Every structure is written in structure tokens, then in C-alpha cells.
Amino acid sequence: MSKIILYTTDCQNCKVLETKLNEKNIEYTTCRDRELMADKGFRSAPMLEVDDTTYTFYDAVQLLKGM
């Protein structure tokens, strides 16, 4: 089982990605800690971390389409 974290600021794209995860019944945790996101070097949200690989919004949507 993969460890999946959704880094979100509750923006429109964040909500889209959250909906897609829920539609696929994928278990994930949510992080809204902007300081942590900045420490990780994230310049935008949402970001999706699967195990230790981080995906931008576009890449995450493509990944979910393949699941």
C-alpha cells in the first residue's frame, strides 16, 4: 500500500484533485501546513506525494487517470 499525501491550500485545483482521489477510493492524508510545503520547496498547490515521489497538479491528474 502506498503512502499518499495531498498537500492542499483548499484552492479550486486542490478540490479537483481531492475529488479525483475520493472518486477512485484512494486512501490519503491531507496536509494544509503551508510552512511545511514551503520547506519542501513547493511553489504551488496542490501537490501529491506518493511514497517519496512528488507530483504537480497536472502530473497527479495524469497519474490518477492511469489508475
Protein backbone atom coordinates (compact mmCIF):
# COMPACT_ATOMS: atom_id res chain seq x y z
CA MET A 1 0.00 0.00 0.00
CA SER A 2 1.35 3.38 -0.98
CA LYS A 3 1.65 6.29 1.40
CA ILE A 4 -0.18 9.21 -0.25
CA ILE A 5 -0.24 12.80 0.99
CA LEU A 6 -2.28 15.58 -0.59
CA TYR A 7 -0.71 18.98 0.06
CA THR A 8 -3.54 21.49 -0.26
CA THR A 9 -4.45 25.11 0.29
CA ASP A 10 -8.11 24.34 -0.50
CA CYS A 11 -7.88 26.16 -3.83
CA GLN A 12 -10.00 25.12 -6.81
CA ASN A 13 -7.34 22.74 -8.21
CA CYS A 14 -6.84 21.30 -4.74
CA LYS A 15 -10.54 20.48 -4.55
CA VAL A 16 -10.46 18.92 -8.03
CA LEU A 17 -7.58 16.65 -7.05
CA GLU A 18 -9.25 15.73 -3.76
CA THR A 19 -12.44 14.82 -5.65
CA LYS A 20 -10.48 12.63 -8.07
CA LEU A 21 -8.78 10.81 -5.18
CA ASN A 22 -12.14 10.23 -3.50
CA GLU A 23 -13.76 9.01 -6.74
CA LYS A 24 -11.01 6.39 -7.04
CA ASN A 25 -11.47 5.42 -3.35
CA ILE A 26 -7.79 6.12 -2.73
CA GLU A 27 -6.76 6.49 0.90
CA TYR A 28 -4.63 9.56 1.56
CA THR A 29 -3.77 12.04 4.25
CA THR A 30 -4.17 15.78 3.85
CA CYS A 31 -1.58 18.40 4.76
CA ARG A 32 -2.51 22.08 4.94
CA ASP A 33 0.71 23.19 6.65
CA ARG A 34 1.96 25.97 4.36
CA GLU A 35 5.25 26.25 6.25
CA LEU A 36 5.97 22.56 5.68
CA MET A 37 5.07 22.95 2.00
CA ALA A 38 7.49 25.87 1.71
CA ASP A 39 10.19 23.84 3.47
CA LYS A 40 9.68 21.09 0.88
CA GLY A 41 10.19 23.67 -1.87
CA PHE A 42 6.61 23.62 -3.14
CA ARG A 43 5.81 26.82 -5.02
CA SER A 44 2.19 25.96 -5.75
CA ALA A 45 -0.60 23.69 -4.61
CA PRO A 46 -1.88 21.10 -4.84
CA MET A 47 0.98 18.66 -4.74
CA LEU A 48 0.55 14.93 -4.39
CA GLU A 49 3.20 12.79 -2.74
CA VAL A 50 3.05 9.06 -3.46
CA ASP A 51 5.59 7.19 -1.36
CA ASP A 52 8.54 9.55 -1.86
CA THR A 53 7.66 10.88 -5.33
CA THR A 54 6.02 14.29 -5.63
CA TYR A 55 3.60 15.20 -8.44
CA THR A 56 2.30 18.59 -9.56
CA PHE A 57 -1.44 19.01 -10.13
CA TYR A 58 -1.19 18.13 -13.83
CA ASP A 59 1.04 15.12 -13.25
CA ALA A 60 -1.14 13.90 -10.38
CA VAL A 61 -4.26 14.07 -12.57
CA GLN A 62 -2.46 12.05 -15.27
CA LEU A 63 -1.32 9.52 -12.67
CA LEU A 64 -4.86 9.10 -11.36
CA LYS A 65 -6.25 8.65 -14.86
CA GLY A 66 -3.98 5.63 -15.23
CA MET A 67 -5.24 4.02 -12.02
